[in-house]
Amino acid sequence: MIDRDLALKNEIAKNLRGLIKTRGLTQIRLAELSGISKSTLSDYLNSNTLINVGNVEKIAEVLGVDKSEIDPSFATTKSLSKKEKQIETIAAHIDDNVTEDEMEDIKKYIEFIKSQRK
């Protein structure tokens, strides 16, 4: 299976490593300050796991940086409308494990909701 998020995970890992280094921190210290487990941070730094929004926010706060300096996808959401952000949020919850049948159900549900407009 192809990891479609690998490029983003690699970019986030590179950004995190650079920020940790410039701040003179260790992974352990960042874990303590952010409240994120060492193993989870390790997964981010090794591009094993895509960082979630809440952890981007925690790390950005600890490091005193904008979220986009950790995760570049935040840079693009600033100019999106509220509706576009909502669509992006919904799309982010549809992962690689969604089956064709589940995707079809999602589409049908969207059409159902639209049909209920008065």
N, C-alpha and C. Protein backbone atom coordinates (compact mmCIF):
# COMPACT_ATOMS: atom_id res chain seq x y z
N MET A 1 0.84 -1.18 0.00
CA MET A 1 0.00 0.00 0.00
C MET A 1 0.89 1.25 0.00
N ILE A 2 0.52 2.20 -0.80
CA ILE A 2 1.28 3.45 -0.91
C ILE A 2 0.86 4.38 0.22
N ASP A 3 1.85 4.96 0.88
CA ASP A 3 1.58 5.93 1.94
C ASP A 3 1.49 7.31 1.31
N ARG A 4 0.27 7.78 1.07
CA ARG A 4 0.08 9.08 0.41
C ARG A 4 0.50 10.24 1.29
N ASP A 5 0.65 10.01 2.58
CA ASP A 5 1.04 11.07 3.51
C ASP A 5 2.55 11.09 3.78
N LEU A 6 3.31 10.22 3.12
CA LEU A 6 4.73 10.10 3.45
C LEU A 6 5.49 11.41 3.24
N ALA A 7 5.25 12.10 2.15
CA ALA A 7 5.96 13.36 1.90
C ALA A 7 5.66 14.37 3.01
N LEU A 8 4.40 14.45 3.41
CA LEU A 8 4.02 15.37 4.49
C LEU A 8 4.65 14.94 5.81
N LYS A 9 4.61 13.64 6.10
CA LYS A 9 5.22 13.14 7.34
C LYS A 9 6.72 13.44 7.37
N ASN A 10 7.39 13.28 6.23
CA ASN A 10 8.82 13.59 6.15
C ASN A 10 9.08 15.08 6.38
N GLU A 11 8.25 15.93 5.81
CA GLU A 11 8.40 17.38 5.97
C GLU A 11 8.19 17.78 7.43
N ILE A 12 7.18 17.23 8.06
CA ILE A 12 6.90 17.51 9.47
C ILE A 12 8.06 17.03 10.33
N ALA A 13 8.58 15.84 10.06
CA ALA A 13 9.71 15.30 10.83
C ALA A 13 10.92 16.23 10.71
N LYS A 14 11.20 16.67 9.48
CA LYS A 14 12.33 17.58 9.25
C LYS A 14 12.12 18.88 10.02
N ASN A 15 10.92 19.42 9.95
CA ASN A 15 10.62 20.67 10.65
C ASN A 15 10.76 20.51 12.15
N LEU A 16 10.23 19.42 12.68
CA LEU A 16 10.33 19.17 14.13
C LEU A 16 11.78 19.04 14.57
N ARG A 17 12.56 18.26 13.83
CA ARG A 17 13.97 18.08 14.19
C ARG A 17 14.70 19.42 14.21
N GLY A 18 14.45 20.25 13.19
CA GLY A 18 15.09 21.56 13.13
C GLY A 18 14.69 22.46 14.28
N LEU A 19 13.40 22.48 14.61
CA LEU A 19 12.91 23.32 15.70
C LEU A 19 13.43 22.85 17.05
N ILE A 20 13.47 21.54 17.25
CA ILE A 20 13.99 20.99 18.51
C ILE A 20 15.45 21.37 18.67
N LYS A 21 16.19 21.25 17.57
CA LYS A 21 17.62 21.57 17.62
C LYS A 21 17.85 23.05 17.89
N THR A 22 17.15 23.93 17.16
CA THR A 22 17.37 25.37 17.35
C THR A 22 16.94 25.85 18.73
N ARG A 23 16.01 25.14 19.34
CA ARG A 23 15.56 25.52 20.69
C ARG A 23 16.42 24.89 21.78
N GLY A 24 17.36 24.03 21.37
CA GLY A 24 18.23 23.38 22.34
C GLY A 24 17.50 22.38 23.21
N LEU A 25 16.46 21.78 22.67
CA LEU A 25 15.67 20.81 23.43
C LEU A 25 16.05 19.39 23.05
N THR A 26 15.61 18.46 23.85
CA THR A 26 15.69 17.04 23.50
C THR A 26 14.27 16.56 23.26
N GLN A 27 14.17 15.42 22.64
CA GLN A 27 12.85 14.81 22.42
C GLN A 27 12.16 14.57 23.76
N ILE A 28 12.91 14.13 24.73
CA ILE A 28 12.35 13.86 26.06
C ILE A 28 11.81 15.14 26.69
N ARG A 29 12.57 16.22 26.58
CA ARG A 29 12.13 17.49 27.17
C ARG A 29 10.89 18.01 26.45
N LEU A 30 10.86 17.90 25.13
CA LEU A 30 9.67 18.34 24.39
C LEU A 30 8.46 17.51 24.80
N ALA A 31 8.66 16.23 25.03
CA ALA A 31 7.56 15.37 25.49
C ALA A 31 7.04 15.86 26.84
N GLU A 32 7.94 16.18 27.74
CA GLU A 32 7.54 16.67 29.06
C GLU A 32 6.78 17.99 28.96
N LEU A 33 7.31 18.91 28.16
CA LEU A 33 6.69 20.24 28.06
C LEU A 33 5.34 20.22 27.33
N SER A 34 5.22 19.34 26.36
CA SER A 34 4.00 19.30 25.54
C SER A 34 2.94 18.35 26.08
N GLY A 35 3.37 17.39 26.90
CA GLY A 35 2.42 16.38 27.38
C GLY A 35 2.17 15.28 26.37
N ILE A 36 2.98 15.23 25.32
CA ILE A 36 2.86 14.19 24.30
C ILE A 36 3.88 13.10 24.65
N SER A 37 3.47 11.85 24.54
CA SER A 37 4.37 10.77 24.92
C SER A 37 5.63 10.74 24.06
N LYS A 38 6.71 10.23 24.64
CA LYS A 38 7.98 10.11 23.92
C LYS A 38 7.82 9.22 22.69
N SER A 39 7.05 8.16 22.82
CA SER A 39 6.89 7.24 21.69
C SER A 39 6.12 7.89 20.55
N THR A 40 5.13 8.72 20.89
CA THR A 40 4.38 9.42 19.84
C THR A 40 5.27 10.43 19.14
N LEU A 41 6.05 11.19 19.91
CA LEU A 41 7.00 12.12 19.30
C LEU A 41 7.99 11.38 18.41
N SER A 42 8.46 10.24 18.87
CA SER A 42 9.38 9.43 18.08
C SER A 42 8.74 9.02 16.76
N ASP A 43 7.47 8.64 16.80
CA ASP A 43 6.75 8.28 15.58
C ASP A 43 6.70 9.46 14.61
N TYR A 44 6.48 10.67 15.12
CA TYR A 44 6.46 11.85 14.26
C TYR A 44 7.85 12.11 13.67
N LEU A 45 8.88 12.01 14.51
CA LEU A 45 10.24 12.31 14.07
C LEU A 45 10.80 11.26 13.10
N ASN A 46 10.24 10.07 13.14
CA ASN A 46 10.66 9.00 12.23
C ASN A 46 9.69 8.82 11.06
N SER A 47 8.78 9.76 10.90
CA SER A 47 7.80 9.73 9.79
C SER A 47 6.93 8.49 9.79
N ASN A 48 6.69 7.93 10.97
CA ASN A 48 5.84 6.74 11.06
C ASN A 48 4.37 7.08 11.16
N THR A 49 4.07 8.24 11.76
CA THR A 49 2.69 8.64 12.01
C THR A 49 2.49 10.09 11.61
N LEU A 50 1.35 10.37 11.01
CA LEU A 50 1.01 11.75 10.68
C LEU A 50 0.52 12.44 11.94
N ILE A 51 1.11 13.56 12.26
CA ILE A 51 0.78 14.29 13.49
C ILE A 51 -0.67 14.77 13.44
N ASN A 52 -1.35 14.71 14.58
CA ASN A 52 -2.73 15.20 14.61
C ASN A 52 -2.76 16.69 14.97
N VAL A 53 -3.86 17.33 14.69
CA VAL A 53 -4.00 18.77 14.88
C VAL A 53 -3.73 19.19 16.31
N GLY A 54 -4.26 18.45 17.26
CA GLY A 54 -4.08 18.81 18.67
C GLY A 54 -2.61 18.81 19.07
N ASN A 55 -1.86 17.84 18.58
CA ASN A 55 -0.44 17.78 18.92
C ASN A 55 0.38 18.84 18.20
N VAL A 56 -0.04 19.20 16.99
CA VAL A 56 0.62 20.33 16.31
C VAL A 56 0.46 21.58 17.17
N GLU A 57 -0.75 21.79 17.68
CA GLU A 57 -1.02 22.97 18.50
C GLU A 57 -0.20 22.96 19.79
N LYS A 58 -0.12 21.79 20.44
CA LYS A 58 0.66 21.69 21.68
C LYS A 58 2.14 21.99 21.45
N ILE A 59 2.69 21.39 20.41
CA ILE A 59 4.11 21.59 20.12
C ILE A 59 4.38 23.02 19.69
N ALA A 60 3.51 23.58 18.87
CA ALA A 60 3.68 24.97 18.41
C ALA A 60 3.68 25.92 19.60
N GLU A 61 2.80 25.67 20.56
CA GLU A 61 2.72 26.51 21.76
C GLU A 61 4.01 26.41 22.58
N VAL A 62 4.50 25.20 22.78
CA VAL A 62 5.73 24.99 23.55
C VAL A 62 6.92 25.65 22.86
N LEU A 63 6.99 25.50 21.54
CA LEU A 63 8.14 26.03 20.80
C LEU A 63 7.99 27.51 20.44
N GLY A 64 6.81 28.05 20.63
CA GLY A 64 6.57 29.45 20.32
C GLY A 64 6.61 29.74 18.83
N VAL A 65 6.03 28.84 18.04
CA VAL A 65 6.02 29.01 16.59
C VAL A 65 4.59 28.88 16.06
N ASP A 66 4.41 29.29 14.83
CA ASP A 66 3.13 29.11 14.15
C ASP A 66 2.99 27.64 13.78
N LYS A 67 1.78 27.14 13.77
CA LYS A 67 1.54 25.72 13.45
C LYS A 67 2.10 25.35 12.07
N SER A 68 2.09 26.31 11.14
CA SER A 68 2.59 26.03 9.79
C SER A 68 4.09 25.78 9.76
N GLU A 69 4.81 26.20 10.79
CA GLU A 69 6.25 25.92 10.84
C GLU A 69 6.51 24.46 11.18
N ILE A 70 5.51 23.79 11.72
CA ILE A 70 5.61 22.36 12.00
C ILE A 70 4.97 21.59 10.86
N ASP A 71 3.72 21.89 10.59
CA ASP A 71 2.96 21.20 9.55
C ASP A 71 2.61 22.21 8.46
N PRO A 72 3.23 22.10 7.29
CA PRO A 72 3.01 23.08 6.23
C PRO A 72 1.57 23.13 5.71
N SER A 73 0.78 22.11 5.99
CA SER A 73 -0.60 22.14 5.52
C SER A 73 -1.41 23.22 6.24
N PHE A 74 -0.94 23.70 7.38
CA PHE A 74 -1.63 24.79 8.07
C PHE A 74 -1.48 26.10 7.33
N ALA A 75 -0.44 26.26 6.55
CA ALA A 75 -0.21 27.50 5.82
C ALA A 75 -1.31 27.73 4.79
N THR A 76 -1.84 26.65 4.22
CA THR A 76 -2.85 26.79 3.18
C THR A 76 -4.24 27.01 3.76
N THR A 77 -4.48 26.61 4.99
CA THR A 77 -5.83 26.72 5.53
C THR A 77 -6.18 28.14 5.96
N LYS A 78 -5.19 29.02 6.09
CA LYS A 78 -5.47 30.38 6.52
C LYS A 78 -6.36 31.13 5.53
N SER A 79 -6.18 30.85 4.23
CA SER A 79 -6.92 31.59 3.23
C SER A 79 -8.23 30.91 2.83
N LEU A 80 -8.53 29.77 3.42
CA LEU A 80 -9.75 29.07 3.09
C LEU A 80 -10.96 29.68 3.80
N SER A 81 -12.09 29.61 3.14
CA SER A 81 -13.33 30.06 3.75
C SER A 81 -13.76 29.06 4.82
N LYS A 82 -14.73 29.46 5.62
CA LYS A 82 -15.23 28.56 6.67
C LYS A 82 -15.75 27.26 6.05
N LYS A 83 -16.48 27.37 4.95
CA LYS A 83 -17.03 26.18 4.30
C LYS A 83 -15.90 25.30 3.77
N GLU A 84 -14.86 25.89 3.18
CA GLU A 84 -13.74 25.11 2.67
C GLU A 84 -13.00 24.40 3.79
N LYS A 85 -12.88 25.06 4.95
CA LYS A 85 -12.22 24.43 6.10
C LYS A 85 -13.04 23.25 6.59
N GLN A 86 -14.38 23.39 6.57
CA GLN A 86 -15.23 22.30 7.01
C GLN A 86 -15.10 21.11 6.07
N ILE A 87 -15.05 21.39 4.77
CA ILE A 87 -14.90 20.33 3.78
C ILE A 87 -13.56 19.63 3.97
N GLU A 88 -12.51 20.41 4.20
CA GLU A 88 -11.19 19.85 4.42
C GLU A 88 -11.17 18.97 5.67
N THR A 89 -11.86 19.40 6.72
CA THR A 89 -11.92 18.63 7.95
C THR A 89 -12.63 17.29 7.72
N ILE A 90 -13.73 17.34 6.99
CA ILE A 90 -14.46 16.10 6.69
C ILE A 90 -13.58 15.17 5.86
N ALA A 91 -12.93 15.71 4.85
CA ALA A 91 -12.07 14.90 3.97
C ALA A 91 -10.93 14.28 4.76
N ALA A 92 -10.41 14.97 5.74
CA ALA A 92 -9.29 14.46 6.52
C ALA A 92 -9.68 13.23 7.33
N HIS A 93 -10.97 13.06 7.59
CA HIS A 93 -11.43 11.91 8.36
C HIS A 93 -11.68 10.68 7.49
N ILE A 94 -11.55 10.84 6.19
CA ILE A 94 -11.70 9.71 5.28
C ILE A 94 -10.30 9.21 4.99
N ASP A 95 -9.93 8.10 5.61
CA ASP A 95 -8.57 7.60 5.50
C ASP A 95 -8.45 6.49 4.45
N ASP A 96 -7.26 5.94 4.33
CA ASP A 96 -6.97 4.90 3.35
C ASP A 96 -7.74 3.62 3.61
N ASN A 97 -8.30 3.46 4.80
CA ASN A 97 -9.00 2.23 5.15
C ASN A 97 -10.48 2.25 4.77
N VAL A 98 -10.95 3.36 4.20
CA VAL A 98 -12.35 3.44 3.80
C VAL A 98 -12.56 2.55 2.58
N THR A 99 -13.55 1.67 2.69
CA THR A 99 -13.84 0.77 1.58
C THR A 99 -14.67 1.49 0.52
N GLU A 100 -14.76 0.87 -0.64
CA GLU A 100 -15.59 1.43 -1.72
C GLU A 100 -17.04 1.55 -1.26
N ASP A 101 -17.54 0.54 -0.56
CA ASP A 101 -18.92 0.57 -0.07
C ASP A 101 -19.13 1.71 0.93
N GLU A 102 -18.16 1.89 1.84
CA GLU A 102 -18.27 2.98 2.81
C GLU A 102 -18.25 4.34 2.12
N MET A 103 -17.40 4.48 1.11
CA MET A 103 -17.33 5.73 0.37
C MET A 103 -18.66 5.99 -0.34
N GLU A 104 -19.23 4.96 -0.87
CA GLU A 104 -20.53 5.10 -1.53
C GLU A 104 -21.60 5.51 -0.51
N ASP A 105 -21.56 4.94 0.68
CA ASP A 105 -22.50 5.32 1.75
C ASP A 105 -22.33 6.78 2.14
N ILE A 106 -21.09 7.24 2.20
CA ILE A 106 -20.81 8.65 2.53
C ILE A 106 -21.43 9.56 1.47
N LYS A 107 -21.23 9.22 0.22
CA LYS A 107 -21.79 10.02 -0.87
C LYS A 107 -23.33 10.04 -0.81
N LYS A 108 -23.91 8.87 -0.55
CA LYS A 108 -25.38 8.78 -0.45
C LYS A 108 -25.89 9.62 0.72
N TYR A 109 -25.16 9.61 1.83
CA TYR A 109 -25.58 10.40 2.99
C TYR A 109 -25.53 11.89 2.67
N ILE A 110 -24.50 12.31 1.97
CA ILE A 110 -24.40 13.72 1.57
C ILE A 110 -25.58 14.10 0.69
N GLU A 111 -25.91 13.24 -0.26
CA GLU A 111 -27.04 13.51 -1.14
C GLU A 111 -28.35 13.54 -0.34
N PHE A 112 -28.48 12.64 0.64
CA PHE A 112 -29.67 12.64 1.49
C PHE A 112 -29.80 13.97 2.23
N ILE A 113 -28.72 14.42 2.83
CA ILE A 113 -28.74 15.69 3.57
C ILE A 113 -29.14 16.83 2.64
N LYS A 114 -28.58 16.86 1.46
CA LYS A 114 -28.93 17.91 0.49
C LYS A 114 -30.41 17.85 0.11
N SER A 115 -30.94 16.64 0.00
CA SER A 115 -32.35 16.50 -0.39
C SER A 115 -33.31 16.98 0.70
N GLN A 116 -32.84 17.12 1.93
CA GLN A 116 -33.68 17.56 3.03
C GLN A 116 -33.79 19.08 3.13
N ARG A 117 -33.05 19.79 2.29
CA ARG A 117 -33.12 21.27 2.31
C ARG A 117 -34.51 21.71 1.88
N LYS A 118 -34.96 22.78 2.50
CA LYS A 118 -36.31 23.28 2.15
C LYS A 118 -36.23 24.63 1.53
